[in-house]
């Protein structure tokens, strides 16, 4: 629908079935079920000597601590209770809420969003009159759910100086549980977190079966 100098023009388009967007290839961010973020906020001394601690001394967290220490040792990190650097590990489970998609029956664009139209005094309105897959005026809302809710496990690690609390490194892995128990799934993420110690990583896709 176009508005120009008081005149009204109506443009109607019938939308055919639109195929769903294909998932990205394995290893792409689109198909990933998790991601890794890491931030280096200081320079690690060599050799790296650290003490590992957990925020809550539950049996599950102590098992994660043991796995983390094993992986760090295999990577050449020296573990010592007297170390001046402390690596704190925290595990948590959260719920990703169901997301509702916005309605797409009407799309209005005016002014600077449509530079060419704005210069000529136009306002453009797109309307879905009928569709079998999308919201439309005749068929109503087809679906309001864009993404169902699901559970996430989060592993966070922070490396700080014992002397002054100065940060040297922080890392976090977030991954969908996929119906698996957190205490069974979280150990699978420990090697990835340990291997990222001292590195800077920005939302790297993570796939764990």
Foldseek 3Di string as FASTA:
>chain_A
DKDAPNDDDDDADADEDDDDDDADPPQDQRPFQKWKFKDFPAFADPPAEEEEDEPDPDPLVVVLRVLLVVLLVVVVYHYDPPDQKYKYKYKDKDKDAWAWDDADQKDKDEAPSDPVQNVRPMIDMYGHCDYPQHAHPVPHHPDGTPGHMFMKMKMKMWMAGNPPRHTGMIMMMIGTCPPPDCSVPVSQCSNVRSVCVNHGDDTRGDHDD
